[in-house]
Amino acid sequence: MSNVRACGVGDVAPGAALAVEVDGVDVAVVRDGDSWYAIRDECSHAAIALSEGDVEGCEIECWLHGSRFDLRTGKPTGLPATEPVAVYPVTVQGDDVLVDVHTVLNDA
């Protein structure tokens, strides 16, 4: 596992996403209360940044066409997307949010 600091805890408001680059990979770091998620910051339907979309609970919605993705699994939960998006492990250490983009937690 290769955890890299993606951002600070205070950089992401609850119910929001932040676009970051981790080891050359575009990632959306998402905070849902005390839960943290890291998902590839690109909709599998139209190559649009997911970090610019709305977050509701454990889902993020692409702002362009409305595709929704489960932040835990990367699976689409709303059309038009039919392919999953990669999700990565997240660790919070103190005030740092660490992401391991070398470990993909799903079949994306």
PDB file of N, CA and C in Angstrom:
ATOM      1  N   MET A   1       0.846  -1.180   0.000  1.00  0.00           N
ATOM      2  CA  MET A   1       0.000   0.000   0.000  1.00  0.00           C
ATOM      3  C   MET A   1       0.884   1.233   0.000  1.00  0.00           C
ATOM      4  N   SER A   2       0.519   2.186  -0.833  1.00  0.00           N
ATOM      5  CA  SER A   2       1.312   3.393  -0.986  1.00  0.00           C
ATOM      6  C   SER A   2       0.434   4.620  -0.736  1.00  0.00           C
ATOM      7  N   ASN A   3       0.220   4.924   0.529  1.00  0.00           N
ATOM      8  CA  ASN A   3      -0.606   6.076   0.886  1.00  0.00           C
ATOM      9  C   ASN A   3       0.145   7.367   0.633  1.00  0.00           C
ATOM     10  N   VAL A   4      -0.535   8.297  -0.045  1.00  0.00           N
ATOM     11  CA  VAL A   4       0.031   9.605  -0.357  1.00  0.00           C
ATOM     12  C   VAL A   4      -0.954  10.650   0.140  1.00  0.00           C
ATOM     13  N   ARG A   5      -0.437  11.726   0.721  1.00  0.00           N
ATOM     14  CA  ARG A   5      -1.305  12.799   1.197  1.00  0.00           C
ATOM     15  C   ARG A   5      -2.009  13.427  -0.001  1.00  0.00           C
ATOM     16  N   ALA A   6      -3.341  13.403   0.052  1.00  0.00           N
ATOM     17  CA  ALA A   6      -4.147  13.973  -1.018  1.00  0.00           C
ATOM     18  C   ALA A   6      -4.593  15.393  -0.671  1.00  0.00           C
ATOM     19  N   CYS A   7      -4.908  15.602   0.618  1.00  0.00           N
ATOM     20  CA  CYS A   7      -5.391  16.900   1.067  1.00  0.00           C
ATOM     21  C   CYS A   7      -5.469  16.889   2.584  1.00  0.00           C
ATOM     22  N   GLY A   8      -5.887  17.993   3.138  1.00  0.00           N
ATOM     23  CA  GLY A   8      -6.121  18.078   4.570  1.00  0.00           C
ATOM     24  C   GLY A   8      -7.589  17.816   4.871  1.00  0.00           C
ATOM     25  N   VAL A   9      -7.880  17.365   6.071  1.00  0.00           N
ATOM     26  CA  VAL A   9      -9.258  17.107   6.483  1.00  0.00           C
ATOM     27  C   VAL A   9     -10.102  18.366   6.309  1.00  0.00           C
ATOM     28  N   GLY A  10      -9.569  19.502   6.655  1.00  0.00           N
ATOM     29  CA  GLY A  10     -10.302  20.752   6.553  1.00  0.00           C
ATOM     30  C   GLY A  10     -10.500  21.263   5.140  1.00  0.00           C
ATOM     31  N   ASP A  11      -9.861  20.626   4.166  1.00  0.00           N
ATOM     32  CA  ASP A  11      -9.996  21.058   2.770  1.00  0.00           C
ATOM     33  C   ASP A  11     -11.296  20.597   2.114  1.00  0.00           C
ATOM     34  N   VAL A  12     -11.967  19.621   2.726  1.00  0.00           N
ATOM     35  CA  VAL A  12     -13.179  19.054   2.142  1.00  0.00           C
ATOM     36  C   VAL A  12     -14.338  19.234   3.120  1.00  0.00           C
ATOM     37  N   ALA A  13     -15.318  20.000   2.705  1.00  0.00           N
ATOM     38  CA  ALA A  13     -16.506  20.205   3.540  1.00  0.00           C
ATOM     39  C   ALA A  13     -17.348  18.938   3.555  1.00  0.00           C
ATOM     40  N   PRO A  14     -18.070  18.677   4.632  1.00  0.00           N
ATOM     41  CA  PRO A  14     -18.976  17.528   4.651  1.00  0.00           C
ATOM     42  C   PRO A  14     -19.982  17.616   3.500  1.00  0.00           C
ATOM     43  N   GLY A  15     -20.187  16.512   2.813  1.00  0.00           N
ATOM     44  CA  GLY A  15     -21.116  16.471   1.690  1.00  0.00           C
ATOM     45  C   GLY A  15     -20.556  17.081   0.427  1.00  0.00           C
ATOM     46  N   ALA A  16     -19.224  17.163   0.338  1.00  0.00           N
ATOM     47  CA  ALA A  16     -18.588  17.785  -0.829  1.00  0.00           C
ATOM     48  C   ALA A  16     -17.456  16.907  -1.353  1.00  0.00           C
ATOM     49  N   ALA A  17     -16.988  17.271  -2.544  1.00  0.00           N
ATOM     50  CA  ALA A  17     -15.866  16.582  -3.176  1.00  0.00           C
ATOM     51  C   ALA A  17     -14.792  17.598  -3.509  1.00  0.00           C
ATOM     52  N   LEU A  18     -13.545  17.133  -3.520  1.00  0.00           N
ATOM     53  CA  LEU A  18     -12.401  17.978  -3.856  1.00  0.00           C
ATOM     54  C   LEU A  18     -11.575  17.267  -4.920  1.00  0.00           C
ATOM     55  N   ALA A  19     -11.264  17.967  -6.001  1.00  0.00           N
ATOM     56  CA  ALA A  19     -10.407  17.415  -7.052  1.00  0.00           C
ATOM     57  C   ALA A  19      -8.958  17.528  -6.625  1.00  0.00           C
ATOM     58  N   VAL A  20      -8.234  16.411  -6.671  1.00  0.00           N
ATOM     59  CA  VAL A  20      -6.807  16.384  -6.362  1.00  0.00           C
ATOM     60  C   VAL A  20      -6.103  15.461  -7.353  1.00  0.00           C
ATOM     61  N   GLU A  21      -4.804  15.601  -7.429  1.00  0.00           N
ATOM     62  CA  GLU A  21      -4.001  14.674  -8.212  1.00  0.00           C
ATOM     63  C   GLU A  21      -3.091  13.923  -7.256  1.00  0.00           C
ATOM     64  N   VAL A  22      -3.144  12.599  -7.339  1.00  0.00           N
ATOM     65  CA  VAL A  22      -2.337  11.749  -6.479  1.00  0.00           C
ATOM     66  C   VAL A  22      -1.504  10.843  -7.369  1.00  0.00           C
ATOM     67  N   ASP A  23      -0.200  10.994  -7.319  1.00  0.00           N
ATOM     68  CA  ASP A  23       0.702  10.185  -8.151  1.00  0.00           C
ATOM     69  C   ASP A  23       0.261  10.140  -9.608  1.00  0.00           C
ATOM     70  N   GLY A  24      -0.154  11.292 -10.145  1.00  0.00           N
ATOM     71  CA  GLY A  24      -0.539  11.392 -11.548  1.00  0.00           C
ATOM     72  C   GLY A  24      -1.948  10.952 -11.877  1.00  0.00           C
ATOM     73  N   VAL A  25      -2.726  10.594 -10.868  1.00  0.00           N
ATOM     74  CA  VAL A  25      -4.105  10.138 -11.072  1.00  0.00           C
ATOM     75  C   VAL A  25      -5.054  11.218 -10.555  1.00  0.00           C
ATOM     76  N   ASP A  26      -6.036  11.600 -11.379  1.00  0.00           N
ATOM     77  CA  ASP A  26      -7.054  12.561 -10.947  1.00  0.00           C
ATOM     78  C   ASP A  26      -8.060  11.842 -10.064  1.00  0.00           C
ATOM     79  N   VAL A  27      -8.215  12.353  -8.847  1.00  0.00           N
ATOM     80  CA  VAL A  27      -9.057  11.721  -7.839  1.00  0.00           C
ATOM     81  C   VAL A  27     -10.024  12.755  -7.269  1.00  0.00           C
ATOM     82  N   ALA A  28     -11.241  12.318  -6.981  1.00  0.00           N
ATOM     83  CA  ALA A  28     -12.186  13.121  -6.222  1.00  0.00           C
ATOM     84  C   ALA A  28     -12.195  12.564  -4.807  1.00  0.00           C
ATOM     85  N   VAL A  29     -11.778  13.383  -3.846  1.00  0.00           N
ATOM     86  CA  VAL A  29     -11.841  13.003  -2.441  1.00  0.00           C
ATOM     87  C   VAL A  29     -13.172  13.524  -1.914  1.00  0.00           C
ATOM     88  N   VAL A  30     -13.959  12.624  -1.326  1.00  0.00           N
ATOM     89  CA  VAL A  30     -15.316  12.961  -0.910  1.00  0.00           C
ATOM     90  C   VAL A  30     -15.474  12.699   0.581  1.00  0.00           C
ATOM     91  N   ARG A  31     -16.163  13.635   1.234  1.00  0.00           N
ATOM     92  CA  ARG A  31     -16.428  13.513   2.661  1.00  0.00           C
ATOM     93  C   ARG A  31     -17.930  13.441   2.885  1.00  0.00           C
ATOM     94  N   ASP A  32     -18.352  12.389   3.565  1.00  0.00           N
ATOM     95  CA  ASP A  32     -19.754  12.227   3.942  1.00  0.00           C
ATOM     96  C   ASP A  32     -19.793  12.044   5.453  1.00  0.00           C
ATOM     97  N   GLY A  33     -19.935  13.138   6.173  1.00  0.00           N
ATOM     98  CA  GLY A  33     -19.866  13.081   7.632  1.00  0.00           C
ATOM     99  C   GLY A  33     -18.465  12.677   8.054  1.00  0.00           C
ATOM    100  N   ASP A  34     -18.356  11.555   8.761  1.00  0.00           N
ATOM    101  CA  ASP A  34     -17.055  11.043   9.185  1.00  0.00           C
ATOM    102  C   ASP A  34     -16.479  10.024   8.208  1.00  0.00           C
ATOM    103  N   SER A  35     -17.199   9.753   7.127  1.00  0.00           N
ATOM    104  CA  SER A  35     -16.733   8.782   6.126  1.00  0.00           C
ATOM    105  C   SER A  35     -16.013   9.511   4.994  1.00  0.00           C
ATOM    106  N   TRP A  36     -14.952   8.882   4.507  1.00  0.00           N
ATOM    107  CA  TRP A  36     -14.139   9.452   3.435  1.00  0.00           C
ATOM    108  C   TRP A  36     -14.061   8.467   2.285  1.00  0.00           C
ATOM    109  N   TYR A  37     -14.079   8.998   1.055  1.00  0.00           N
ATOM    110  CA  TYR A  37     -14.007   8.174  -0.144  1.00  0.00           C
ATOM    111  C   TYR A  37     -13.054   8.814  -1.144  1.00  0.00           C
ATOM    112  N   ALA A  38     -12.479   7.972  -1.986  1.00  0.00           N
ATOM    113  CA  ALA A  38     -11.648   8.455  -3.093  1.00  0.00           C
ATOM    114  C   ALA A  38     -12.079   7.689  -4.331  1.00  0.00           C
ATOM    115  N   ILE A  39     -12.464   8.433  -5.364  1.00  0.00           N
ATOM    116  CA  ILE A  39     -12.965   7.850  -6.592  1.00  0.00           C
ATOM    117  C   ILE A  39     -12.273   8.552  -7.756  1.00  0.00           C
ATOM    118  N   ARG A  40     -12.006   7.812  -8.820  1.00  0.00           N
ATOM    119  CA  ARG A  40     -11.386   8.434  -9.997  1.00  0.00           C
ATOM    120  C   ARG A  40     -12.257   9.599 -10.446  1.00  0.00           C
ATOM    121  N   ASP A  41     -11.634  10.714 -10.677  1.00  0.00           N
ATOM    122  CA  ASP A  41     -12.357  11.951 -10.960  1.00  0.00           C
ATOM    123  C   ASP A  41     -12.710  12.065 -12.446  1.00  0.00           C
ATOM    124  N   GLU A  42     -13.371  11.020 -12.958  1.00  0.00           N
ATOM    125  CA  GLU A  42     -13.795  11.035 -14.353  1.00  0.00           C
ATOM    126  C   GLU A  42     -14.997  10.124 -14.536  1.00  0.00           C
ATOM    127  N   CYS A  43     -16.093  10.700 -14.970  1.00  0.00           N
ATOM    128  CA  CYS A  43     -17.293   9.925 -15.240  1.00  0.00           C
ATOM    129  C   CYS A  43     -16.997   8.908 -16.344  1.00  0.00           C
ATOM    130  N   SER A  44     -17.444   7.686 -16.156  1.00  0.00           N
ATOM    131  CA  SER A  44     -17.190   6.641 -17.162  1.00  0.00           C
ATOM    132  C   SER A  44     -18.071   6.808 -18.398  1.00  0.00           C
ATOM    133  N   HIS A  45     -19.017   7.696 -18.347  1.00  0.00           N
ATOM    134  CA  HIS A  45     -19.899   7.917 -19.500  1.00  0.00           C
ATOM    135  C   HIS A  45     -19.378   9.003 -20.423  1.00  0.00           C
ATOM    136  N   ALA A  46     -18.892  10.126 -19.842  1.00  0.00           N
ATOM    137  CA  ALA A  46     -18.564  11.260 -20.699  1.00  0.00           C
ATOM    138  C   ALA A  46     -17.261  11.972 -20.337  1.00  0.00           C
ATOM    139  N   ALA A  47     -16.390  11.328 -19.588  1.00  0.00           N
ATOM    140  CA  ALA A  47     -15.077  11.899 -19.249  1.00  0.00           C
ATOM    141  C   ALA A  47     -15.188  13.306 -18.657  1.00  0.00           C
ATOM    142  N   ILE A  48     -16.113  13.483 -17.726  1.00  0.00           N
ATOM    143  CA  ILE A  48     -16.339  14.745 -17.031  1.00  0.00           C
ATOM    144  C   ILE A  48     -15.892  14.570 -15.583  1.00  0.00           C
ATOM    145  N   ALA A  49     -15.340  15.620 -14.990  1.00  0.00           N
ATOM    146  CA  ALA A  49     -14.875  15.561 -13.603  1.00  0.00           C
ATOM    147  C   ALA A  49     -16.049  15.336 -12.648  1.00  0.00           C
ATOM    148  N   LEU A  50     -16.021  14.215 -11.930  1.00  0.00           N
ATOM    149  CA  LEU A  50     -17.065  13.924 -10.955  1.00  0.00           C
ATOM    150  C   LEU A  50     -17.004  14.884  -9.767  1.00  0.00           C
ATOM    151  N   SER A  51     -15.833  15.406  -9.476  1.00  0.00           N
ATOM    152  CA  SER A  51     -15.674  16.312  -8.335  1.00  0.00           C
ATOM    153  C   SER A  51     -16.504  17.581  -8.477  1.00  0.00           C
ATOM    154  N   GLU A  52     -16.963  17.882  -9.686  1.00  0.00           N
ATOM    155  CA  GLU A  52     -17.789  19.067  -9.920  1.00  0.00           C
ATOM    156  C   GLU A  52     -19.276  18.772  -9.739  1.00  0.00           C
ATOM    157  N   GLY A  53     -19.600  17.512  -9.450  1.00  0.00           N
ATOM    158  CA  GLY A  53     -20.995  17.120  -9.289  1.00  0.00           C
ATOM    159  C   GLY A  53     -21.454  17.184  -7.851  1.00  0.00           C
ATOM    160  N   ASP A  54     -22.711  16.808  -7.647  1.00  0.00           N
ATOM    161  CA  ASP A  54     -23.314  16.833  -6.319  1.00  0.00           C
ATOM    162  C   ASP A  54     -23.043  15.524  -5.585  1.00  0.00           C
ATOM    163  N   VAL A  55     -22.861  15.647  -4.264  1.00  0.00           N
ATOM    164  CA  VAL A  55     -22.672  14.493  -3.393  1.00  0.00           C
ATOM    165  C   VAL A  55     -23.906  14.385  -2.507  1.00  0.00           C
ATOM    166  N   GLU A  56     -24.457  13.180  -2.456  1.00  0.00           N
ATOM    167  CA  GLU A  56     -25.583  12.929  -1.569  1.00  0.00           C
ATOM    168  C   GLU A  56     -25.378  11.574  -0.923  1.00  0.00           C
ATOM    169  N   GLY A  57     -25.057  11.595   0.366  1.00  0.00           N
ATOM    170  CA  GLY A  57     -24.776  10.351   1.060  1.00  0.00           C
ATOM    171  C   GLY A  57     -23.581   9.659   0.429  1.00  0.00           C
ATOM    172  N   CYS A  58     -23.754   8.415   0.035  1.00  0.00           N
ATOM    173  CA  CYS A  58     -22.674   7.611  -0.540  1.00  0.00           C
ATOM    174  C   CYS A  58     -22.681   7.629  -2.060  1.00  0.00           C
ATOM    175  N   GLU A  59     -23.263   8.681  -2.649  1.00  0.00           N
ATOM    176  CA  GLU A  59     -23.297   8.773  -4.105  1.00  0.00           C
ATOM    177  C   GLU A  59     -22.790  10.132  -4.568  1.00  0.00           C
ATOM    178  N   ILE A  60     -22.219  10.103  -5.776  1.00  0.00           N
ATOM    179  CA  ILE A  60     -21.817  11.343  -6.440  1.00  0.00           C
ATOM    180  C   ILE A  60     -22.472  11.352  -7.814  1.00  0.00           C
ATOM    181  N   GLU A  61     -22.936  12.538  -8.222  1.00  0.00           N
ATOM    182  CA  GLU A  61     -23.641  12.664  -9.490  1.00  0.00           C
ATOM    183  C   GLU A  61     -22.838  13.518 -10.461  1.00  0.00           C
ATOM    184  N   CYS A  62     -22.674  13.035 -11.679  1.00  0.00           N
ATOM    185  CA  CYS A  62     -22.010  13.797 -12.725  1.00  0.00           C
ATOM    186  C   CYS A  62     -22.916  14.959 -13.116  1.00  0.00           C
ATOM    187  N   TRP A  63     -22.352  16.136 -13.131  1.00  0.00           N
ATOM    188  CA  TRP A  63     -23.153  17.337 -13.400  1.00  0.00           C
ATOM    189  C   TRP A  63     -23.647  17.427 -14.835  1.00  0.00           C
ATOM    190  N   LEU A  64     -23.001  16.744 -15.782  1.00  0.00           N
ATOM    191  CA  LEU A  64     -23.357  16.922 -17.187  1.00  0.00           C
ATOM    192  C   LEU A  64     -24.603  16.135 -17.602  1.00  0.00           C
ATOM    193  N   HIS A  65     -24.594  14.834 -17.359  1.00  0.00           N
ATOM    194  CA  HIS A  65     -25.712  13.996 -17.806  1.00  0.00           C
ATOM    195  C   HIS A  65     -26.464  13.321 -16.670  1.00  0.00           C
ATOM    196  N   GLY A  66     -26.015  13.524 -15.431  1.00  0.00           N
ATOM    197  CA  GLY A  66     -26.741  12.975 -14.288  1.00  0.00           C
ATOM    198  C   GLY A  66     -26.393  11.557 -13.899  1.00  0.00           C
ATOM    199  N   SER A  67     -25.344  10.964 -14.469  1.00  0.00           N
ATOM    200  CA  SER A  67     -24.919   9.632 -14.027  1.00  0.00           C
ATOM    201  C   SER A  67     -24.571   9.698 -12.547  1.00  0.00           C
ATOM    202  N   ARG A  68     -24.946   8.650 -11.821  1.00  0.00           N
ATOM    203  CA  ARG A  68     -24.647   8.592 -10.389  1.00  0.00           C
ATOM    204  C   ARG A  68     -23.775   7.363 -10.121  1.00  0.00           C
ATOM    205  N   PHE A  69     -22.876   7.509  -9.132  1.00  0.00           N
ATOM    206  CA  PHE A  69     -21.962   6.425  -8.778  1.00  0.00           C
ATOM    207  C   PHE A  69     -21.946   6.228  -7.272  1.00  0.00           C
ATOM    208  N   ASP A  70     -21.910   4.953  -6.857  1.00  0.00           N
ATOM    209  CA  ASP A  70     -21.754   4.614  -5.447  1.00  0.00           C
ATOM    210  C   ASP A  70     -20.302   4.862  -5.071  1.00  0.00           C
ATOM    211  N   LEU A  71     -20.059   5.691  -4.080  1.00  0.00           N
ATOM    212  CA  LEU A  71     -18.695   6.041  -3.677  1.00  0.00           C
ATOM    213  C   LEU A  71     -17.952   4.867  -3.053  1.00  0.00           C
ATOM    214  N   ARG A  72     -18.676   3.881  -2.543  1.00  0.00           N
ATOM    215  CA  ARG A  72     -18.039   2.720  -1.909  1.00  0.00           C
ATOM    216  C   ARG A  72     -17.576   1.700  -2.921  1.00  0.00           C
ATOM    217  N   THR A  73     -18.321   1.578  -4.040  1.00  0.00           N
ATOM    218  CA  THR A  73     -18.032   0.515  -5.009  1.00  0.00           C
ATOM    219  C   THR A  73     -17.632   1.044  -6.383  1.00  0.00           C
ATOM    220  N   GLY A  74     -17.944   2.301  -6.669  1.00  0.00           N
ATOM    221  CA  GLY A  74     -17.685   2.864  -7.984  1.00  0.00           C
ATOM    222  C   GLY A  74     -18.707   2.472  -9.028  1.00  0.00           C
ATOM    223  N   LYS A  75     -19.672   1.623  -8.655  1.00  0.00           N
ATOM    224  CA  LYS A  75     -20.682   1.155  -9.607  1.00  0.00           C
ATOM    225  C   LYS A  75     -21.679   2.266  -9.915  1.00  0.00           C
ATOM    226  N   PRO A  76     -22.111   2.324 -11.175  1.00  0.00           N
ATOM    227  CA  PRO A  76     -23.127   3.316 -11.516  1.00  0.00           C
ATOM    228  C   PRO A  76     -24.464   2.951 -10.867  1.00  0.00           C
ATOM    229  N   THR A  77     -25.134   3.957 -10.338  1.00  0.00           N
ATOM    230  CA  THR A  77     -26.442   3.754  -9.722  1.00  0.00           C
ATOM    231  C   THR A  77     -27.517   4.525 -10.480  1.00  0.00           C
ATOM    232  N   GLY A  78     -27.107   5.216 -11.540  1.00  0.00           N
ATOM    233  CA  GLY A  78     -28.051   5.958 -12.368  1.00  0.00           C
ATOM    234  C   GLY A  78     -27.490   6.145 -13.761  1.00  0.00           C
ATOM    235  N   LEU A  79     -28.332   5.946 -14.747  1.00  0.00           N
ATOM    236  CA  LEU A  79     -27.935   6.093 -16.149  1.00  0.00           C
ATOM    237  C   LEU A  79     -27.652   7.557 -16.462  1.00  0.00           C
ATOM    238  N   PRO A  80     -26.877   7.825 -17.498  1.00  0.00           N
ATOM    239  CA  PRO A  80     -26.543   6.939 -18.610  1.00  0.00           C
ATOM    240  C   PRO A  80     -25.278   6.092 -18.409  1.00  0.00           C
ATOM    241  N   ALA A  81     -24.508   6.297 -17.364  1.00  0.00           N
ATOM    242  CA  ALA A  81     -23.291   5.494 -17.164  1.00  0.00           C
ATOM    243  C   ALA A  81     -23.660   4.037 -16.897  1.00  0.00           C
ATOM    244  N   THR A  82     -22.866   3.135 -17.478  1.00  0.00           N
ATOM    245  CA  THR A  82     -23.067   1.698 -17.257  1.00  0.00           C
ATOM    246  C   THR A  82     -21.786   1.020 -16.774  1.00  0.00           C
ATOM    247  N   GLU A  83     -20.665   1.729 -16.812  1.00  0.00           N
ATOM    248  CA  GLU A  83     -19.373   1.176 -16.397  1.00  0.00           C
ATOM    249  C   GLU A  83     -18.955   1.792 -15.059  1.00  0.00           C
ATOM    250  N   PRO A  84     -18.321   1.005 -14.190  1.00  0.00           N
ATOM    251  CA  PRO A  84     -17.881   1.542 -12.901  1.00  0.00           C
ATOM    252  C   PRO A  84     -16.687   2.484 -13.035  1.00  0.00           C
ATOM    253  N   VAL A  85     -16.450   3.219 -11.978  1.00  0.00           N
ATOM    254  CA  VAL A  85     -15.309   4.123 -11.865  1.00  0.00           C
ATOM    255  C   VAL A  85     -14.434   3.585 -10.733  1.00  0.00           C
ATOM    256  N   ALA A  86     -13.121   3.659 -10.895  1.00  0.00           N
ATOM    257  CA  ALA A  86     -12.198   3.130  -9.886  1.00  0.00           C
ATOM    258  C   ALA A  86     -12.371   3.849  -8.545  1.00  0.00           C
ATOM    259  N   VAL A  87     -12.337   3.065  -7.468  1.00  0.00           N
ATOM    260  CA  VAL A  87     -12.320   3.622  -6.120  1.00  0.00           C
ATOM    261  C   VAL A  87     -11.036   3.170  -5.432  1.00  0.00           C
ATOM    262  N   TYR A  88     -10.549   4.009  -4.540  1.00  0.00           N
ATOM    263  CA  TYR A  88      -9.255   3.784  -3.901  1.00  0.00           C
ATOM    264  C   TYR A  88      -9.392   3.841  -2.385  1.00  0.00           C
ATOM    265  N   PRO A  89      -8.482   3.157  -1.670  1.00  0.00           N
ATOM    266  CA  PRO A  89      -8.514   3.213  -0.214  1.00  0.00           C
ATOM    267  C   PRO A  89      -8.133   4.605   0.306  1.00  0.00           C
ATOM    268  N   VAL A  90      -8.814   5.004   1.368  1.00  0.00           N
ATOM    269  CA  VAL A  90      -8.567   6.293   2.018  1.00  0.00           C
ATOM    270  C   VAL A  90      -8.257   6.041   3.482  1.00  0.00           C
ATOM    271  N   THR A  91      -7.263   6.753   3.987  1.00  0.00           N
ATOM    272  CA  THR A  91      -6.916   6.707   5.397  1.00  0.00           C
ATOM    273  C   THR A  91      -6.802   8.138   5.896  1.00  0.00           C
ATOM    274  N   VAL A  92      -7.364   8.399   7.062  1.00  0.00           N
ATOM    275  CA  VAL A  92      -7.209   9.709   7.688  1.00  0.00           C
ATOM    276  C   VAL A  92      -6.253   9.548   8.859  1.00  0.00           C
ATOM    277  N   GLN A  93      -5.169  10.317   8.803  1.00  0.00           N
ATOM    278  CA  GLN A  93      -4.175  10.319   9.884  1.00  0.00           C
ATOM    279  C   GLN A  93      -4.028  11.745  10.375  1.00  0.00           C
ATOM    280  N   GLY A  94      -4.555  11.991  11.558  1.00  0.00           N
ATOM    281  CA  GLY A  94      -4.522  13.352  12.077  1.00  0.00           C
ATOM    282  C   GLY A  94      -5.330  14.263  11.183  1.00  0.00           C
ATOM    283  N   ASP A  95      -4.680  15.290  10.644  1.00  0.00           N
ATOM    284  CA  ASP A  95      -5.353  16.239   9.754  1.00  0.00           C
ATOM    285  C   ASP A  95      -5.118  15.939   8.283  1.00  0.00           C
ATOM    286  N   ASP A  96      -4.504  14.799   7.968  1.00  0.00           N
ATOM    287  CA  ASP A  96      -4.174  14.445   6.593  1.00  0.00           C
ATOM    288  C   ASP A  96      -5.094  13.355   6.045  1.00  0.00           C
ATOM    289  N   VAL A  97      -5.515  13.527   4.803  1.00  0.00           N
ATOM    290  CA  VAL A  97      -6.283  12.502   4.091  1.00  0.00           C
ATOM    291  C   VAL A  97      -5.317  11.843   3.111  1.00  0.00           C
ATOM    292  N   LEU A  98      -5.099  10.545   3.282  1.00  0.00           N
ATOM    293  CA  LEU A  98      -4.162   9.788   2.463  1.00  0.00           C
ATOM    294  C   LEU A  98      -4.926   8.868   1.519  1.00  0.00           C
ATOM    295  N   VAL A  99      -4.459   8.771   0.284  1.00  0.00           N
ATOM    296  CA  VAL A  99      -5.096   7.925  -0.722  1.00  0.00           C
ATOM    297  C   VAL A  99      -4.032   7.044  -1.366  1.00  0.00           C
ATOM    298  N   ASP A 100      -4.409   5.795  -1.647  1.00  0.00           N
ATOM    299  CA  ASP A 100      -3.519   4.850  -2.328  1.00  0.00           C
ATOM    300  C   ASP A 100      -4.083   4.563  -3.716  1.00  0.00           C
ATOM    301  N   VAL A 101      -3.599   5.282  -4.726  1.00  0.00           N
ATOM    302  CA  VAL A 101      -4.113   5.096  -6.094  1.00  0.00           C
ATOM    303  C   VAL A 101      -3.529   3.852  -6.771  1.00  0.00           C
ATOM    304  N   HIS A 102      -2.601   3.183  -6.109  1.00  0.00           N
ATOM    305  CA  HIS A 102      -2.010   1.971  -6.675  1.00  0.00           C
ATOM    306  C   HIS A 102      -2.806   0.727  -6.300  1.00  0.00           C
ATOM    307  N   THR A 103      -3.810   0.913  -5.435  1.00  0.00           N
ATOM    308  CA  THR A 103      -4.703  -0.178  -5.058  1.00  0.00           C
ATOM    309  C   THR A 103      -6.114   0.213  -5.442  1.00  0.00           C
ATOM    310  N   VAL A 104      -6.682  -0.481  -6.407  1.00  0.00           N
ATOM    311  CA  VAL A 104      -8.057  -0.229  -6.837  1.00  0.00           C
ATOM    312  C   VAL A 104      -8.950  -1.238  -6.112  1.00  0.00           C
ATOM    313  N   LEU A 105     -10.000  -0.720  -5.477  1.00  0.00           N
ATOM    314  CA  LEU A 105     -10.845  -1.558  -4.636  1.00  0.00           C
ATOM    315  C   LEU A 105     -11.992  -2.238  -5.372  1.00  0.00           C
ATOM    316  N   ASN A 106     -12.096  -2.003  -6.677  1.00  0.00           N
ATOM    317  CA  ASN A 106     -13.186  -2.602  -7.441  1.00  0.00           C
ATOM    318  C   ASN A 106     -12.640  -3.113  -8.780  1.00  0.00           C
ATOM    319  N   ASP A 107     -13.548  -3.498  -9.657  1.00  0.00           N
ATOM    320  CA  ASP A 107     -13.154  -4.057 -10.949  1.00  0.00           C
ATOM    321  C   ASP A 107     -13.134  -3.026 -12.069  1.00  0.00           C
ATOM    322  N   ALA A 108     -12.984  -1.764 -11.736  1.00  0.00           N
ATOM    323  CA  ALA A 108     -12.977  -0.709 -12.767  1.00  0.00           C
ATOM    324  C   ALA A 108     -11.674  -0.709 -13.520  1.00  0.00           C
TER     325      ALA A 108
END
